[in-house]
Amino acid sequence: MRVTVNGKAQELTEGTTLPGLLDALGLRLGSVVVEHNGTALLRSEVAAAALADGDRLELVRAVAGG
């Protein structure tokens, strides 16, 4: 299946989950904000989100500081 991550097309194995994609990219669930097809997801929603062909994802690393 093909998804777009931060503007770049990526081929994923059918059945890849959103948490699985984050893990493959070396990102931890609590360290990234996820927008899935234009909707920002809560952390609890990321764990349950299914990916499908044509999905668009924006992944933004959360940075702490002051």
N, C-alpha and C. Protein backbone atom coordinates (compact mmCIF):
# COMPACT_ATOMS: atom_id res chain seq x y z
N MET A 1 0.85 -1.17 0.00
CA MET A 1 0.00 0.00 0.00
C MET A 1 0.89 1.22 0.00
N ARG A 2 0.40 2.31 -0.55
CA ARG A 2 1.17 3.54 -0.65
C ARG A 2 0.52 4.61 0.22
N VAL A 3 1.34 5.24 1.08
CA VAL A 3 0.89 6.36 1.91
C VAL A 3 1.87 7.51 1.70
N THR A 4 1.45 8.70 2.07
CA THR A 4 2.31 9.87 1.98
C THR A 4 2.65 10.31 3.40
N VAL A 5 3.93 10.39 3.69
CA VAL A 5 4.41 10.77 5.02
C VAL A 5 5.23 12.05 4.86
N ASN A 6 4.73 13.13 5.45
CA ASN A 6 5.40 14.43 5.36
C ASN A 6 5.73 14.80 3.92
N GLY A 7 4.76 14.55 3.04
CA GLY A 7 4.89 14.94 1.64
C GLY A 7 5.64 13.96 0.75
N LYS A 8 6.12 12.86 1.30
CA LYS A 8 6.87 11.88 0.51
C LYS A 8 6.14 10.55 0.47
N ALA A 9 5.98 10.01 -0.74
CA ALA A 9 5.30 8.72 -0.91
C ALA A 9 6.16 7.60 -0.33
N GLN A 10 5.50 6.68 0.36
CA GLN A 10 6.18 5.51 0.91
C GLN A 10 5.34 4.28 0.64
N GLU A 11 6.02 3.20 0.28
CA GLU A 11 5.36 1.91 0.10
C GLU A 11 5.43 1.15 1.42
N LEU A 12 4.29 0.70 1.90
CA LEU A 12 4.23 -0.07 3.14
C LEU A 12 3.60 -1.43 2.88
N THR A 13 3.95 -2.38 3.70
CA THR A 13 3.33 -3.69 3.63
C THR A 13 1.86 -3.57 4.03
N GLU A 14 1.00 -4.23 3.30
CA GLU A 14 -0.43 -4.23 3.64
C GLU A 14 -0.59 -4.67 5.08
N GLY A 15 -1.40 -3.97 5.84
CA GLY A 15 -1.64 -4.31 7.24
C GLY A 15 -0.72 -3.56 8.21
N THR A 16 0.19 -2.72 7.68
CA THR A 16 1.04 -1.93 8.56
C THR A 16 0.16 -1.01 9.41
N THR A 17 0.43 -0.99 10.70
CA THR A 17 -0.33 -0.12 11.61
C THR A 17 0.41 1.20 11.78
N LEU A 18 -0.29 2.19 12.28
CA LEU A 18 0.34 3.48 12.53
C LEU A 18 1.44 3.35 13.59
N PRO A 19 1.20 2.66 14.72
CA PRO A 19 2.30 2.46 15.66
C PRO A 19 3.47 1.69 15.04
N GLY A 20 3.18 0.75 14.17
CA GLY A 20 4.24 0.01 13.48
C GLY A 20 5.06 0.90 12.58
N LEU A 21 4.41 1.82 11.88
CA LEU A 21 5.11 2.77 11.03
C LEU A 21 6.00 3.69 11.86
N LEU A 22 5.47 4.20 12.96
CA LEU A 22 6.26 5.06 13.83
C LEU A 22 7.50 4.32 14.33
N ASP A 23 7.33 3.08 14.73
CA ASP A 23 8.45 2.27 15.21
C ASP A 23 9.49 2.09 14.10
N ALA A 24 9.03 1.80 12.88
CA ALA A 24 9.94 1.61 11.75
C ALA A 24 10.72 2.88 11.43
N LEU A 25 10.12 4.03 11.70
CA LEU A 25 10.78 5.31 11.46
C LEU A 25 11.64 5.76 12.64
N GLY A 26 11.65 4.94 13.71
CA GLY A 26 12.46 5.27 14.88
C GLY A 26 11.83 6.35 15.75
N LEU A 27 10.51 6.48 15.69
CA LEU A 27 9.80 7.49 16.48
C LEU A 27 8.99 6.82 17.58
N ARG A 28 9.00 7.45 18.76
CA ARG A 28 8.20 6.94 19.87
C ARG A 28 6.85 7.64 19.86
N LEU A 29 5.82 6.93 20.23
CA LEU A 29 4.46 7.46 20.22
C LEU A 29 4.33 8.76 20.99
N GLY A 30 4.97 8.89 22.12
CA GLY A 30 4.85 10.10 22.92
C GLY A 30 5.70 11.27 22.43
N SER A 31 6.56 11.02 21.44
CA SER A 31 7.47 12.09 21.00
C SER A 31 7.06 12.71 19.67
N VAL A 32 5.92 12.32 19.15
CA VAL A 32 5.51 12.81 17.84
C VAL A 32 4.02 13.14 17.83
N VAL A 33 3.69 14.22 17.14
CA VAL A 33 2.29 14.58 16.91
C VAL A 33 1.92 14.04 15.53
N VAL A 34 0.77 13.37 15.44
CA VAL A 34 0.37 12.72 14.19
C VAL A 34 -0.90 13.36 13.65
N GLU A 35 -0.82 13.75 12.37
CA GLU A 35 -2.02 14.19 11.64
C GLU A 35 -2.29 13.13 10.58
N HIS A 36 -3.50 12.58 10.62
CA HIS A 36 -3.89 11.48 9.73
C HIS A 36 -5.02 11.97 8.84
N ASN A 37 -4.74 12.13 7.56
CA ASN A 37 -5.73 12.62 6.59
C ASN A 37 -6.35 13.94 7.04
N GLY A 38 -5.51 14.83 7.55
CA GLY A 38 -5.96 16.17 7.92
C GLY A 38 -6.50 16.32 9.32
N THR A 39 -6.53 15.25 10.09
CA THR A 39 -7.05 15.29 11.46
C THR A 39 -5.94 14.97 12.45
N ALA A 40 -5.70 15.89 13.38
CA ALA A 40 -4.72 15.63 14.43
C ALA A 40 -5.27 14.57 15.37
N LEU A 41 -4.44 13.59 15.69
CA LEU A 41 -4.88 12.47 16.53
C LEU A 41 -4.35 12.62 17.96
N LEU A 42 -5.20 12.23 18.90
CA LEU A 42 -4.75 12.10 20.29
C LEU A 42 -3.86 10.87 20.37
N ARG A 43 -3.02 10.83 21.39
CA ARG A 43 -2.13 9.68 21.56
C ARG A 43 -2.92 8.37 21.59
N SER A 44 -4.05 8.35 22.27
CA SER A 44 -4.86 7.13 22.34
C SER A 44 -5.44 6.74 20.98
N GLU A 45 -5.68 7.71 20.12
CA GLU A 45 -6.22 7.43 18.79
C GLU A 45 -5.15 6.86 17.86
N VAL A 46 -3.90 7.26 18.06
CA VAL A 46 -2.81 6.76 17.23
C VAL A 46 -2.70 5.25 17.37
N ALA A 47 -2.81 4.76 18.59
CA ALA A 47 -2.67 3.31 18.84
C ALA A 47 -3.73 2.50 18.11
N ALA A 48 -4.90 3.09 17.86
CA ALA A 48 -6.00 2.35 17.24
C ALA A 48 -6.16 2.67 15.75
N ALA A 49 -5.38 3.60 15.22
CA ALA A 49 -5.57 4.05 13.84
C ALA A 49 -5.07 3.01 12.85
N ALA A 50 -5.93 2.69 11.90
CA ALA A 50 -5.56 1.78 10.81
C ALA A 50 -5.08 2.61 9.63
N LEU A 51 -4.11 2.09 8.90
CA LEU A 51 -3.63 2.76 7.70
C LEU A 51 -4.24 2.10 6.47
N ALA A 52 -4.48 2.91 5.44
CA ALA A 52 -5.05 2.40 4.20
C ALA A 52 -4.33 3.06 3.03
N ASP A 53 -4.40 2.42 1.89
CA ASP A 53 -3.79 2.95 0.68
C ASP A 53 -4.28 4.38 0.43
N GLY A 54 -3.36 5.29 0.17
CA GLY A 54 -3.71 6.67 -0.12
C GLY A 54 -3.74 7.59 1.08
N ASP A 55 -3.53 7.07 2.29
CA ASP A 55 -3.55 7.92 3.48
C ASP A 55 -2.44 8.96 3.42
N ARG A 56 -2.70 10.10 4.04
CA ARG A 56 -1.73 11.18 4.16
C ARG A 56 -1.43 11.39 5.64
N LEU A 57 -0.14 11.37 5.97
CA LEU A 57 0.30 11.55 7.35
C LEU A 57 1.28 12.69 7.45
N GLU A 58 1.12 13.49 8.49
CA GLU A 58 2.12 14.49 8.84
C GLU A 58 2.61 14.12 10.24
N LEU A 59 3.91 13.96 10.38
CA LEU A 59 4.51 13.58 11.65
C LEU A 59 5.43 14.71 12.09
N VAL A 60 5.17 15.24 13.27
CA VAL A 60 5.96 16.36 13.79
C VAL A 60 6.50 15.96 15.15
N ARG A 61 7.81 16.02 15.30
CA ARG A 61 8.41 15.72 16.59
C ARG A 61 8.10 16.81 17.59
N ALA A 62 7.65 16.39 18.76
CA ALA A 62 7.40 17.33 19.85
C ALA A 62 8.74 17.65 20.51
N VAL A 63 8.99 18.92 20.72
CA VAL A 63 10.26 19.35 21.31
C VAL A 63 9.96 20.16 22.57
N ALA A 64 10.61 19.79 23.64
CA ALA A 64 10.45 20.52 24.91
C ALA A 64 11.57 21.53 25.05
N GLY A 65 11.28 22.57 25.72
CA GLY A 65 12.32 23.57 25.93
C GLY A 65 11.71 24.86 26.43
N GLY A 66 12.52 25.82 26.62
CA GLY A 66 11.95 27.05 27.14
C GLY A 66 12.76 28.26 26.84
